[in-house]
Amino acid sequence: MVENKRSIWENQSEIDNWVLHKNLFAGARDGIMNFIHLETFPFLRNLKSGNKILDLGSGANNEEYLFRCPKGVGIICLDSSFGMLSRSPTELPVQADARILPVKSDSIDLCTSFFLIRYLTEEEWTLLLGEIRRVLKPDGQFIIIDLVENDYPNQLSICDANLLAQRANQVGLTDLQVRNETHKCTVRGNLGGYSYEQVMVAELGVLTGRKGV
């Protein structure tokens, strides 16, 4: 993998900050992971050897989300951060901007994205969704999961799943379905040697759909 350009989350402090955000869900991580596994499994079980998954914003831990993938299915892990991808166990890392995918049209069977959308603007959602439609094979599917709401004091970035669905419809993606589920999470931290815990409520939004034939 060749580093294309400097992006967010490149130096160690930025990666450590990402790890901190990841650990904010520590108290309910098993529940959140189980929710994602249950949502993605219906898509994964229909894949066959030779099919391809494109995971957008994969970071360093895509295997946590896609570990139930059938053998022989290729998982392309795309992220803007060379530093994050260098920590990933994936065999197919691609450092690139998800708004301009370096992927052939009509080449992907399933596109996934977990906790990426909330870092983009609404205008960028349209670009990303348009690229998803372009790279998917006819009748190819996609699933996006992200934070819809949370009550953490320094509120984590969120997205509007219903608005995201509207943007998906505008670019021509079909069979769109939106659902939300609420999880309680325990936020743990340490300030100057003082450990603390705080319960927060996070609502996860799921958008699924496909590219028309």
N, C-alpha and C. Protein backbone atom coordinates (compact mmCIF):
# COMPACT_ATOMS: atom_id res chain seq x y z
N MET A 1 0.85 -1.19 0.00
CA MET A 1 0.00 0.00 0.00
C MET A 1 0.88 1.24 0.00
N VAL A 2 0.63 2.15 -0.90
CA VAL A 2 1.39 3.39 -1.00
C VAL A 2 0.56 4.52 -0.43
N GLU A 3 1.19 5.35 0.43
CA GLU A 3 0.46 6.46 1.02
C GLU A 3 0.20 7.53 -0.03
N ASN A 4 -1.07 7.87 -0.22
CA ASN A 4 -1.45 8.83 -1.25
C ASN A 4 -1.26 10.28 -0.82
N LYS A 5 -1.68 10.57 0.41
CA LYS A 5 -1.63 11.95 0.88
C LYS A 5 -1.86 11.98 2.38
N ARG A 6 -1.54 13.11 2.98
CA ARG A 6 -1.79 13.31 4.40
C ARG A 6 -3.28 13.46 4.62
N SER A 7 -3.84 12.76 5.59
CA SER A 7 -5.26 12.89 5.88
C SER A 7 -5.46 12.92 7.39
N ILE A 8 -6.70 12.97 7.83
CA ILE A 8 -6.97 12.91 9.25
C ILE A 8 -6.51 11.58 9.81
N TRP A 9 -6.25 11.58 11.12
CA TRP A 9 -5.86 10.35 11.82
C TRP A 9 -4.58 9.74 11.25
N GLU A 10 -3.57 10.56 11.04
CA GLU A 10 -2.30 10.05 10.54
C GLU A 10 -1.26 9.87 11.64
N ASN A 11 -1.14 10.84 12.54
CA ASN A 11 -0.12 10.67 13.58
C ASN A 11 -0.70 9.89 14.76
N GLN A 12 0.18 9.48 15.67
CA GLN A 12 -0.22 8.59 16.74
C GLN A 12 -1.26 9.21 17.66
N SER A 13 -1.13 10.51 17.93
CA SER A 13 -2.10 11.15 18.83
C SER A 13 -3.49 11.14 18.22
N GLU A 14 -3.59 11.31 16.90
CA GLU A 14 -4.89 11.29 16.23
C GLU A 14 -5.49 9.89 16.26
N ILE A 15 -4.64 8.88 16.06
CA ILE A 15 -5.11 7.50 16.12
C ILE A 15 -5.56 7.17 17.54
N ASP A 16 -4.79 7.63 18.53
CA ASP A 16 -5.16 7.40 19.93
C ASP A 16 -6.51 8.03 20.24
N ASN A 17 -6.79 9.20 19.64
CA ASN A 17 -8.07 9.86 19.85
C ASN A 17 -9.19 9.03 19.27
N TRP A 18 -8.94 8.40 18.10
CA TRP A 18 -9.94 7.51 17.52
C TRP A 18 -10.19 6.32 18.44
N VAL A 19 -9.12 5.77 19.00
CA VAL A 19 -9.26 4.63 19.91
C VAL A 19 -10.09 5.04 21.12
N LEU A 20 -9.90 6.27 21.62
CA LEU A 20 -10.69 6.76 22.75
C LEU A 20 -12.16 6.78 22.38
N HIS A 21 -12.51 7.32 21.21
CA HIS A 21 -13.91 7.36 20.78
C HIS A 21 -14.47 5.95 20.64
N LYS A 22 -13.64 5.06 20.13
CA LYS A 22 -14.06 3.66 19.99
C LYS A 22 -14.39 3.08 21.36
N ASN A 23 -13.56 3.41 22.35
CA ASN A 23 -13.75 2.86 23.70
C ASN A 23 -14.87 3.53 24.47
N LEU A 24 -15.42 4.62 23.94
CA LEU A 24 -16.56 5.25 24.59
C LEU A 24 -17.74 4.28 24.68
N PHE A 25 -17.75 3.30 23.78
CA PHE A 25 -18.84 2.33 23.76
C PHE A 25 -18.49 1.06 24.53
N ALA A 26 -17.43 1.12 25.34
CA ALA A 26 -16.91 -0.09 25.99
C ALA A 26 -17.97 -0.84 26.77
N GLY A 27 -18.81 -0.13 27.53
CA GLY A 27 -19.78 -0.79 28.38
C GLY A 27 -20.84 -1.56 27.62
N ALA A 28 -21.12 -1.15 26.39
CA ALA A 28 -22.17 -1.82 25.61
C ALA A 28 -21.61 -2.32 24.28
N ARG A 29 -20.29 -2.47 24.22
CA ARG A 29 -19.66 -2.82 22.93
C ARG A 29 -20.17 -4.15 22.40
N ASP A 30 -20.29 -5.14 23.28
CA ASP A 30 -20.77 -6.43 22.82
C ASP A 30 -22.17 -6.31 22.22
N GLY A 31 -23.03 -5.52 22.88
CA GLY A 31 -24.38 -5.34 22.38
C GLY A 31 -24.41 -4.62 21.05
N ILE A 32 -23.56 -3.58 20.90
CA ILE A 32 -23.52 -2.83 19.66
C ILE A 32 -22.95 -3.68 18.53
N MET A 33 -21.89 -4.42 18.83
CA MET A 33 -21.31 -5.31 17.82
C MET A 33 -22.33 -6.38 17.41
N ASN A 34 -23.05 -6.91 18.38
CA ASN A 34 -24.04 -7.93 18.07
C ASN A 34 -25.15 -7.35 17.18
N PHE A 35 -25.54 -6.11 17.46
CA PHE A 35 -26.55 -5.44 16.64
C PHE A 35 -26.06 -5.31 15.20
N ILE A 36 -24.83 -4.89 15.02
CA ILE A 36 -24.27 -4.74 13.68
C ILE A 36 -24.16 -6.09 12.98
N HIS A 37 -23.74 -7.11 13.72
CA HIS A 37 -23.64 -8.45 13.12
C HIS A 37 -25.01 -8.95 12.66
N LEU A 38 -26.03 -8.73 13.48
CA LEU A 38 -27.37 -9.18 13.12
C LEU A 38 -27.89 -8.43 11.88
N GLU A 39 -27.56 -7.15 11.79
CA GLU A 39 -28.02 -6.35 10.66
C GLU A 39 -27.30 -6.73 9.36
N THR A 40 -26.02 -7.08 9.46
CA THR A 40 -25.24 -7.36 8.26
C THR A 40 -25.32 -8.82 7.82
N PHE A 41 -25.63 -9.72 8.73
CA PHE A 41 -25.61 -11.15 8.40
C PHE A 41 -26.51 -11.51 7.22
N PRO A 42 -27.75 -10.97 7.13
CA PRO A 42 -28.60 -11.31 5.98
C PRO A 42 -27.96 -10.96 4.64
N PHE A 43 -27.10 -9.93 4.63
CA PHE A 43 -26.40 -9.54 3.41
C PHE A 43 -25.20 -10.45 3.16
N LEU A 44 -24.47 -10.78 4.22
CA LEU A 44 -23.26 -11.58 4.07
C LEU A 44 -23.57 -13.02 3.67
N ARG A 45 -24.65 -13.58 4.20
CA ARG A 45 -24.92 -15.00 3.97
C ARG A 45 -25.27 -15.30 2.52
N ASN A 46 -25.67 -14.29 1.76
CA ASN A 46 -26.02 -14.51 0.36
C ASN A 46 -24.83 -14.36 -0.59
N LEU A 47 -23.66 -13.97 -0.04
CA LEU A 47 -22.48 -13.81 -0.87
C LEU A 47 -21.82 -15.16 -1.15
N LYS A 48 -21.10 -15.22 -2.24
CA LYS A 48 -20.41 -16.45 -2.63
C LYS A 48 -18.94 -16.15 -2.89
N SER A 49 -18.15 -17.20 -2.94
CA SER A 49 -16.73 -17.06 -3.24
C SER A 49 -16.56 -16.31 -4.56
N GLY A 50 -15.69 -15.33 -4.55
CA GLY A 50 -15.48 -14.52 -5.75
C GLY A 50 -16.20 -13.19 -5.71
N ASN A 51 -17.24 -13.07 -4.83
CA ASN A 51 -17.93 -11.79 -4.66
C ASN A 51 -17.01 -10.81 -3.94
N LYS A 52 -17.36 -9.51 -4.03
CA LYS A 52 -16.54 -8.47 -3.42
C LYS A 52 -17.37 -7.56 -2.52
N ILE A 53 -16.79 -7.26 -1.35
CA ILE A 53 -17.36 -6.27 -0.43
C ILE A 53 -16.45 -5.05 -0.45
N LEU A 54 -17.04 -3.88 -0.47
CA LEU A 54 -16.29 -2.63 -0.31
C LEU A 54 -16.72 -2.02 1.02
N ASP A 55 -15.78 -1.93 1.95
CA ASP A 55 -16.07 -1.38 3.28
C ASP A 55 -15.51 0.04 3.34
N LEU A 56 -16.39 1.02 3.43
CA LEU A 56 -16.00 2.42 3.40
C LEU A 56 -15.75 2.97 4.81
N GLY A 57 -14.63 3.64 4.99
CA GLY A 57 -14.27 4.14 6.31
C GLY A 57 -13.95 3.00 7.25
N SER A 58 -13.23 2.02 6.75
CA SER A 58 -13.02 0.78 7.51
C SER A 58 -12.13 0.97 8.73
N GLY A 59 -11.29 2.00 8.72
CA GLY A 59 -10.42 2.21 9.87
C GLY A 59 -9.49 1.04 10.09
N ALA A 60 -9.37 0.63 11.35
CA ALA A 60 -8.44 -0.45 11.70
C ALA A 60 -9.14 -1.72 12.13
N ASN A 61 -10.45 -1.76 12.09
CA ASN A 61 -11.13 -2.88 12.75
C ASN A 61 -12.29 -3.46 11.94
N ASN A 62 -12.16 -3.49 10.62
CA ASN A 62 -13.28 -3.98 9.82
C ASN A 62 -13.65 -5.42 10.14
N GLU A 63 -12.69 -6.23 10.58
CA GLU A 63 -12.97 -7.64 10.84
C GLU A 63 -13.99 -7.80 11.97
N GLU A 64 -14.07 -6.83 12.86
CA GLU A 64 -15.05 -6.90 13.94
C GLU A 64 -16.47 -6.87 13.37
N TYR A 65 -16.64 -6.19 12.25
CA TYR A 65 -17.96 -6.06 11.66
C TYR A 65 -18.27 -7.16 10.64
N LEU A 66 -17.25 -7.60 9.92
CA LEU A 66 -17.47 -8.49 8.78
C LEU A 66 -16.87 -9.88 8.98
N PHE A 67 -16.69 -10.30 10.24
CA PHE A 67 -16.02 -11.57 10.47
C PHE A 67 -16.86 -12.76 10.03
N ARG A 68 -18.16 -12.59 9.82
CA ARG A 68 -19.02 -13.69 9.38
C ARG A 68 -19.03 -13.83 7.86
N CYS A 69 -18.18 -13.12 7.19
CA CYS A 69 -18.15 -13.16 5.73
C CYS A 69 -17.73 -14.55 5.25
N PRO A 70 -18.43 -15.12 4.26
CA PRO A 70 -18.07 -16.45 3.74
C PRO A 70 -16.65 -16.47 3.17
N LYS A 71 -16.02 -17.64 3.20
CA LYS A 71 -14.68 -17.79 2.66
C LYS A 71 -14.68 -17.52 1.16
N GLY A 72 -13.61 -16.89 0.71
CA GLY A 72 -13.47 -16.62 -0.71
C GLY A 72 -14.05 -15.30 -1.16
N VAL A 73 -14.71 -14.59 -0.24
CA VAL A 73 -15.25 -13.27 -0.56
C VAL A 73 -14.16 -12.23 -0.28
N GLY A 74 -13.87 -11.39 -1.26
CA GLY A 74 -12.86 -10.37 -1.08
C GLY A 74 -13.42 -9.14 -0.39
N ILE A 75 -12.70 -8.64 0.64
CA ILE A 75 -13.12 -7.44 1.36
C ILE A 75 -12.13 -6.33 1.07
N ILE A 76 -12.56 -5.32 0.33
CA ILE A 76 -11.72 -4.16 0.06
C ILE A 76 -11.97 -3.13 1.15
N CYS A 77 -10.94 -2.79 1.90
CA CYS A 77 -11.08 -1.86 3.02
C CYS A 77 -10.54 -0.50 2.62
N LEU A 78 -11.44 0.46 2.56
CA LEU A 78 -11.07 1.80 2.10
C LEU A 78 -11.18 2.81 3.23
N ASP A 79 -10.15 3.62 3.38
CA ASP A 79 -10.15 4.66 4.40
C ASP A 79 -9.24 5.79 3.92
N SER A 80 -9.52 7.00 4.36
CA SER A 80 -8.68 8.13 3.97
C SER A 80 -7.37 8.16 4.75
N SER A 81 -7.30 7.40 5.83
CA SER A 81 -6.14 7.44 6.71
C SER A 81 -5.18 6.29 6.46
N PHE A 82 -3.99 6.61 6.02
CA PHE A 82 -2.94 5.61 5.86
C PHE A 82 -2.58 5.02 7.22
N GLY A 83 -2.55 5.88 8.24
CA GLY A 83 -2.20 5.41 9.58
C GLY A 83 -3.16 4.38 10.12
N MET A 84 -4.47 4.60 9.89
CA MET A 84 -5.46 3.66 10.37
C MET A 84 -5.36 2.34 9.61
N LEU A 85 -5.24 2.42 8.30
CA LEU A 85 -5.16 1.20 7.49
C LEU A 85 -3.92 0.38 7.82
N SER A 86 -2.84 1.07 8.20
CA SER A 86 -1.61 0.35 8.53
C SER A 86 -1.78 -0.49 9.79
N ARG A 87 -2.79 -0.18 10.59
CA ARG A 87 -3.07 -0.96 11.80
C ARG A 87 -4.12 -2.05 11.56
N SER A 88 -4.65 -2.09 10.34
CA SER A 88 -5.71 -3.04 10.03
C SER A 88 -5.12 -4.37 9.55
N PRO A 89 -5.77 -5.49 9.89
CA PRO A 89 -5.29 -6.80 9.43
C PRO A 89 -5.70 -7.13 8.00
N THR A 90 -6.41 -6.23 7.34
CA THR A 90 -6.92 -6.54 6.01
C THR A 90 -5.82 -6.79 4.99
N GLU A 91 -6.11 -7.62 4.01
CA GLU A 91 -5.18 -7.91 2.93
C GLU A 91 -5.42 -7.02 1.72
N LEU A 92 -6.52 -6.27 1.72
CA LEU A 92 -6.86 -5.41 0.58
C LEU A 92 -7.13 -3.98 1.05
N PRO A 93 -6.08 -3.27 1.55
CA PRO A 93 -6.28 -1.89 2.00
C PRO A 93 -6.20 -0.91 0.83
N VAL A 94 -7.07 0.09 0.85
CA VAL A 94 -7.03 1.15 -0.16
C VAL A 94 -7.16 2.48 0.55
N GLN A 95 -6.14 3.33 0.43
CA GLN A 95 -6.23 4.66 1.01
C GLN A 95 -6.81 5.59 -0.05
N ALA A 96 -8.00 6.11 0.23
CA ALA A 96 -8.67 6.96 -0.75
C ALA A 96 -9.80 7.72 -0.09
N ASP A 97 -10.31 8.71 -0.80
CA ASP A 97 -11.45 9.50 -0.38
C ASP A 97 -12.72 8.78 -0.80
N ALA A 98 -13.61 8.51 0.15
CA ALA A 98 -14.83 7.76 -0.16
C ALA A 98 -15.76 8.52 -1.09
N ARG A 99 -15.54 9.82 -1.24
CA ARG A 99 -16.39 10.61 -2.14
C ARG A 99 -15.98 10.45 -3.60
N ILE A 100 -14.76 9.93 -3.83
CA ILE A 100 -14.26 9.70 -5.19
C ILE A 100 -13.58 8.34 -5.16
N LEU A 101 -14.34 7.28 -5.34
CA LEU A 101 -13.83 5.93 -5.14
C LEU A 101 -12.97 5.47 -6.32
N PRO A 102 -11.76 4.98 -6.04
CA PRO A 102 -10.91 4.44 -7.11
C PRO A 102 -11.28 2.98 -7.38
N VAL A 103 -12.55 2.76 -7.67
CA VAL A 103 -13.10 1.42 -7.86
C VAL A 103 -13.89 1.40 -9.16
N LYS A 104 -13.77 0.32 -9.92
CA LYS A 104 -14.46 0.20 -11.20
C LYS A 104 -15.98 0.21 -11.01
N SER A 105 -16.66 0.76 -11.96
CA SER A 105 -18.12 0.75 -11.95
C SER A 105 -18.63 -0.69 -12.07
N ASP A 106 -19.76 -0.95 -11.44
CA ASP A 106 -20.43 -2.25 -11.54
C ASP A 106 -19.52 -3.42 -11.15
N SER A 107 -18.74 -3.24 -10.07
CA SER A 107 -17.78 -4.28 -9.69
C SER A 107 -17.95 -4.81 -8.27
N ILE A 108 -18.85 -4.21 -7.49
CA ILE A 108 -18.99 -4.55 -6.06
C ILE A 108 -20.35 -5.20 -5.80
N ASP A 109 -20.34 -6.28 -5.03
CA ASP A 109 -21.59 -6.98 -4.70
C ASP A 109 -22.26 -6.41 -3.45
N LEU A 110 -21.47 -5.95 -2.49
CA LEU A 110 -22.01 -5.40 -1.25
C LEU A 110 -21.12 -4.27 -0.78
N CYS A 111 -21.73 -3.13 -0.48
CA CYS A 111 -20.99 -1.99 0.06
C CYS A 111 -21.45 -1.76 1.50
N THR A 112 -20.50 -1.66 2.41
CA THR A 112 -20.82 -1.44 3.82
C THR A 112 -20.14 -0.17 4.32
N SER A 113 -20.73 0.45 5.32
CA SER A 113 -20.12 1.62 5.96
C SER A 113 -20.65 1.73 7.38
N PHE A 114 -19.73 1.70 8.34
CA PHE A 114 -20.10 1.77 9.74
C PHE A 114 -19.39 2.95 10.41
N PHE A 115 -20.19 3.91 10.87
CA PHE A 115 -19.68 5.07 11.61
C PHE A 115 -18.74 5.95 10.78
N LEU A 116 -19.10 6.15 9.52
CA LEU A 116 -18.37 7.08 8.65
C LEU A 116 -19.20 8.31 8.32
N ILE A 117 -20.48 8.10 8.01
CA ILE A 117 -21.34 9.17 7.50
C ILE A 117 -21.35 10.40 8.40
N ARG A 118 -21.29 10.20 9.71
CA ARG A 118 -21.39 11.33 10.63
C ARG A 118 -20.20 12.29 10.54
N TYR A 119 -19.13 11.88 9.87
CA TYR A 119 -17.98 12.76 9.70
C TYR A 119 -18.08 13.59 8.42
N LEU A 120 -19.13 13.36 7.63
CA LEU A 120 -19.28 14.05 6.36
C LEU A 120 -20.42 15.06 6.41
N THR A 121 -20.37 16.04 5.52
CA THR A 121 -21.46 17.01 5.42
C THR A 121 -22.60 16.38 4.60
N GLU A 122 -23.76 17.00 4.64
CA GLU A 122 -24.90 16.48 3.89
C GLU A 122 -24.63 16.51 2.39
N GLU A 123 -23.90 17.51 1.92
CA GLU A 123 -23.55 17.56 0.50
C GLU A 123 -22.63 16.40 0.14
N GLU A 124 -21.73 16.06 1.07
CA GLU A 124 -20.81 14.94 0.82
C GLU A 124 -21.55 13.60 0.86
N TRP A 125 -22.65 13.53 1.60
CA TRP A 125 -23.45 12.31 1.60
C TRP A 125 -23.88 11.98 0.16
N THR A 126 -24.31 13.01 -0.56
CA THR A 126 -24.80 12.80 -1.92
C THR A 126 -23.68 12.27 -2.81
N LEU A 127 -22.48 12.83 -2.67
CA LEU A 127 -21.34 12.36 -3.45
C LEU A 127 -21.03 10.91 -3.12
N LEU A 128 -21.01 10.57 -1.84
CA LEU A 128 -20.70 9.22 -1.40
C LEU A 128 -21.75 8.23 -1.91
N LEU A 129 -23.01 8.57 -1.75
CA LEU A 129 -24.09 7.67 -2.18
C LEU A 129 -24.08 7.48 -3.70
N GLY A 130 -23.74 8.54 -4.41
CA GLY A 130 -23.64 8.43 -5.86
C GLY A 130 -22.51 7.48 -6.26
N GLU A 131 -21.42 7.53 -5.53
CA GLU A 131 -20.30 6.62 -5.79
C GLU A 131 -20.66 5.18 -5.44
N ILE A 132 -21.42 5.02 -4.36
CA ILE A 132 -21.88 3.67 -3.99
C ILE A 132 -22.71 3.09 -5.13
N ARG A 133 -23.62 3.90 -5.66
CA ARG A 133 -24.46 3.42 -6.76
C ARG A 133 -23.60 3.06 -7.97
N ARG A 134 -22.61 3.87 -8.26
CA ARG A 134 -21.77 3.63 -9.44
C ARG A 134 -21.00 2.32 -9.34
N VAL A 135 -20.40 2.04 -8.16
CA VAL A 135 -19.52 0.86 -8.06
C VAL A 135 -20.28 -0.44 -7.84
N LEU A 136 -21.52 -0.35 -7.37
CA LEU A 136 -22.29 -1.58 -7.15
C LEU A 136 -22.66 -2.24 -8.48
N LYS A 137 -22.66 -3.55 -8.48
CA LYS A 137 -23.18 -4.29 -9.62
C LYS A 137 -24.70 -4.10 -9.67
N PRO A 138 -25.31 -4.30 -10.83
CA PRO A 138 -26.78 -4.26 -10.87
C PRO A 138 -27.36 -5.22 -9.83
N ASP A 139 -28.26 -4.74 -9.03
CA ASP A 139 -28.89 -5.47 -7.94
C ASP A 139 -27.96 -5.66 -6.74
N GLY A 140 -26.77 -5.01 -6.77
CA GLY A 140 -25.88 -5.03 -5.61
C GLY A 140 -26.49 -4.28 -4.44
N GLN A 141 -26.11 -4.64 -3.22
CA GLN A 141 -26.73 -4.08 -2.03
C GLN A 141 -25.75 -3.24 -1.20
N PHE A 142 -26.32 -2.44 -0.32
CA PHE A 142 -25.48 -1.67 0.60
C PHE A 142 -26.15 -1.59 1.97
N ILE A 143 -25.32 -1.40 3.00
CA ILE A 143 -25.82 -1.18 4.35
C ILE A 143 -24.94 -0.14 5.03
N ILE A 144 -25.59 0.87 5.61
CA ILE A 144 -24.90 1.94 6.33
C ILE A 144 -25.45 1.99 7.76
N ILE A 145 -24.56 2.00 8.73
CA ILE A 145 -24.96 2.10 10.14
C ILE A 145 -24.18 3.24 10.77
N ASP A 146 -24.88 4.10 11.50
CA ASP A 146 -24.20 5.23 12.14
C ASP A 146 -25.01 5.73 13.33
N LEU A 147 -24.41 6.67 14.05
CA LEU A 147 -25.09 7.31 15.19
C LEU A 147 -26.14 8.28 14.69
N VAL A 148 -27.35 8.14 15.21
CA VAL A 148 -28.43 9.07 14.89
C VAL A 148 -28.58 10.11 16.00
N GLU A 149 -28.35 9.69 17.22
CA GLU A 149 -28.47 10.60 18.36
C GLU A 149 -27.71 10.01 19.53
N ASN A 150 -27.26 10.88 20.43
CA ASN A 150 -26.64 10.43 21.68
C ASN A 150 -26.67 11.59 22.66
N ASP A 151 -26.55 11.25 23.93
CA ASP A 151 -26.61 12.29 24.96
C ASP A 151 -25.28 12.46 25.69
N TYR A 152 -24.20 12.06 25.03
CA TYR A 152 -22.88 12.28 25.62
C TYR A 152 -22.66 13.78 25.77
N PRO A 153 -22.08 14.25 26.91
CA PRO A 153 -21.93 15.69 27.15
C PRO A 153 -21.27 16.44 26.00
N ASN A 154 -20.14 15.91 25.49
CA ASN A 154 -19.51 16.50 24.31
C ASN A 154 -19.99 15.68 23.11
N GLN A 155 -21.23 15.92 22.74
CA GLN A 155 -21.95 15.03 21.81
C GLN A 155 -21.12 14.61 20.61
N LEU A 156 -21.07 13.30 20.40
CA LEU A 156 -20.38 12.77 19.23
C LEU A 156 -21.15 13.16 17.98
N SER A 157 -20.44 13.28 16.87
CA SER A 157 -21.08 13.63 15.60
C SER A 157 -22.19 12.63 15.29
N ILE A 158 -23.27 13.13 14.71
CA ILE A 158 -24.42 12.27 14.40
C ILE A 158 -24.87 12.51 12.97
N CYS A 159 -25.71 11.61 12.48
CA CYS A 159 -26.29 11.78 11.15
C CYS A 159 -27.80 11.59 11.25
N ASP A 160 -28.50 12.01 10.23
CA ASP A 160 -29.95 11.87 10.15
C ASP A 160 -30.23 10.77 9.14
N ALA A 161 -30.62 9.60 9.62
CA ALA A 161 -30.81 8.44 8.74
C ALA A 161 -31.93 8.67 7.72
N ASN A 162 -32.97 9.38 8.11
CA ASN A 162 -34.07 9.64 7.18
C ASN A 162 -33.65 10.59 6.06
N LEU A 163 -32.87 11.60 6.42
CA LEU A 163 -32.35 12.51 5.41
C LEU A 163 -31.36 11.77 4.50
N LEU A 164 -30.58 10.89 5.08
CA LEU A 164 -29.66 10.08 4.30
C LEU A 164 -30.42 9.23 3.27
N ALA A 165 -31.56 8.70 3.68
CA ALA A 165 -32.39 7.90 2.78
C ALA A 165 -32.92 8.77 1.63
N GLN A 166 -33.27 10.02 1.93
CA GLN A 166 -33.73 10.92 0.88
C GLN A 166 -32.64 11.16 -0.15
N ARG A 167 -31.41 11.35 0.34
CA ARG A 167 -30.28 11.56 -0.57
C ARG A 167 -30.03 10.29 -1.40
N ALA A 168 -30.18 9.14 -0.79
CA ALA A 168 -29.98 7.87 -1.50
C ALA A 168 -31.01 7.72 -2.61
N ASN A 169 -32.24 8.12 -2.35
CA ASN A 169 -33.30 8.06 -3.35
C ASN A 169 -32.99 9.00 -4.52
N GLN A 170 -32.44 10.17 -4.21
CA GLN A 170 -32.13 11.16 -5.24
C GLN A 170 -31.08 10.66 -6.22
N VAL A 171 -30.13 9.83 -5.74
CA VAL A 171 -29.07 9.35 -6.64
C VAL A 171 -29.46 8.06 -7.34
N GLY A 172 -30.67 7.54 -7.06
CA GLY A 172 -31.17 6.39 -7.78
C GLY A 172 -31.03 5.04 -7.10
N LEU A 173 -30.68 5.03 -5.82
CA LEU A 173 -30.65 3.78 -5.07
C LEU A 173 -32.09 3.40 -4.70
N THR A 174 -32.39 2.12 -4.66
CA THR A 174 -33.77 1.66 -4.50
C THR A 174 -33.93 0.72 -3.31
N ASP A 175 -35.18 0.31 -3.07
CA ASP A 175 -35.53 -0.60 -1.96
C ASP A 175 -34.98 -0.10 -0.63
N LEU A 176 -35.08 1.20 -0.41
CA LEU A 176 -34.48 1.82 0.78
C LEU A 176 -35.31 1.52 2.02
N GLN A 177 -34.62 1.16 3.09
CA GLN A 177 -35.26 0.91 4.37
C GLN A 177 -34.43 1.55 5.48
N VAL A 178 -35.13 2.23 6.39
CA VAL A 178 -34.47 2.88 7.53
C VAL A 178 -35.02 2.31 8.81
N ARG A 179 -34.16 2.03 9.76
CA ARG A 179 -34.61 1.63 11.10
C ARG A 179 -33.61 2.13 12.12
N ASN A 180 -34.11 2.40 13.32
CA ASN A 180 -33.27 2.89 14.41
C ASN A 180 -33.38 1.96 15.62
N GLU A 181 -32.32 1.91 16.39
CA GLU A 181 -32.34 1.14 17.63
C GLU A 181 -31.50 1.86 18.67
N THR A 182 -31.99 1.88 19.90
CA THR A 182 -31.33 2.60 20.97
C THR A 182 -30.54 1.65 21.87
N HIS A 183 -29.33 2.08 22.24
CA HIS A 183 -28.47 1.31 23.13
C HIS A 183 -27.98 2.20 24.26
N LYS A 184 -27.88 1.62 25.45
CA LYS A 184 -27.24 2.31 26.56
C LYS A 184 -25.76 1.93 26.57
N CYS A 185 -24.91 2.94 26.71
CA CYS A 185 -23.47 2.71 26.70
C CYS A 185 -22.86 3.30 27.96
N THR A 186 -21.83 2.68 28.45
CA THR A 186 -21.10 3.21 29.60
C THR A 186 -19.83 3.88 29.10
N VAL A 187 -19.74 5.18 29.33
CA VAL A 187 -18.55 5.94 28.95
C VAL A 187 -17.56 5.88 30.10
N ARG A 188 -16.36 5.40 29.83
CA ARG A 188 -15.34 5.30 30.86
C ARG A 188 -14.16 6.18 30.48
N GLY A 189 -13.51 6.78 31.48
CA GLY A 189 -12.36 7.63 31.21
C GLY A 189 -11.49 7.79 32.43
N ASN A 190 -10.39 8.51 32.25
CA ASN A 190 -9.47 8.76 33.34
C ASN A 190 -8.91 10.16 33.18
N LEU A 191 -9.15 11.00 34.17
CA LEU A 191 -8.66 12.37 34.17
C LEU A 191 -7.73 12.57 35.36
N GLY A 192 -6.45 12.72 35.06
CA GLY A 192 -5.48 12.96 36.12
C GLY A 192 -5.45 11.87 37.17
N GLY A 193 -5.67 10.64 36.74
CA GLY A 193 -5.66 9.53 37.69
C GLY A 193 -7.01 9.24 38.31
N TYR A 194 -8.00 10.09 38.00
CA TYR A 194 -9.34 9.89 38.52
C TYR A 194 -10.19 9.19 37.47
N SER A 195 -10.60 7.98 37.77
CA SER A 195 -11.43 7.21 36.84
C SER A 195 -12.90 7.56 37.00
N TYR A 196 -13.62 7.57 35.90
CA TYR A 196 -15.05 7.89 35.99
C TYR A 196 -15.82 7.03 35.00
N GLU A 197 -17.11 6.91 35.26
CA GLU A 197 -18.02 6.20 34.37
C GLU A 197 -19.29 7.05 34.23
N GLN A 198 -19.84 7.04 33.05
CA GLN A 198 -21.09 7.75 32.82
C GLN A 198 -21.90 6.99 31.79
N VAL A 199 -23.16 6.79 32.08
CA VAL A 199 -24.04 6.09 31.15
C VAL A 199 -24.55 7.08 30.11
N MET A 200 -24.48 6.70 28.85
CA MET A 200 -25.04 7.53 27.80
C MET A 200 -25.95 6.68 26.93
N VAL A 201 -26.88 7.32 26.28
CA VAL A 201 -27.81 6.63 25.39
C VAL A 201 -27.44 6.99 23.96
N ALA A 202 -27.25 5.99 23.14
CA ALA A 202 -26.91 6.20 21.73
C ALA A 202 -27.93 5.51 20.85
N GLU A 203 -28.45 6.25 19.89
CA GLU A 203 -29.39 5.68 18.92
C GLU A 203 -28.65 5.41 17.62
N LEU A 204 -28.72 4.18 17.16
CA LEU A 204 -28.06 3.79 15.91
C LEU A 204 -29.08 3.76 14.79
N GLY A 205 -28.72 4.32 13.65
CA GLY A 205 -29.58 4.30 12.48
C GLY A 205 -29.03 3.37 11.42
N VAL A 206 -29.90 2.65 10.75
CA VAL A 206 -29.51 1.72 9.70
C VAL A 206 -30.22 2.09 8.40
N LEU A 207 -29.46 2.23 7.33
CA LEU A 207 -30.04 2.44 6.00
C LEU A 207 -29.54 1.33 5.09
N THR A 208 -30.49 0.64 4.47
CA THR A 208 -30.14 -0.42 3.53
C THR A 208 -30.84 -0.17 2.20
N GLY A 209 -30.32 -0.77 1.15
CA GLY A 209 -30.93 -0.63 -0.16
C GLY A 209 -30.11 -1.36 -1.20
N ARG A 210 -30.40 -1.05 -2.46
CA ARG A 210 -29.71 -1.73 -3.55
C ARG A 210 -29.65 -0.83 -4.78
N LYS A 211 -28.83 -1.26 -5.72
CA LYS A 211 -28.80 -0.60 -7.03
C LYS A 211 -29.75 -1.36 -7.94
N GLY A 212 -30.59 -0.65 -8.62
CA GLY A 212 -31.56 -1.28 -9.49
C GLY A 212 -30.90 -2.04 -10.63
N VAL A 213 -31.62 -3.01 -11.15
CA VAL A 213 -31.11 -3.80 -12.28
C VAL A 213 -31.12 -2.97 -13.55
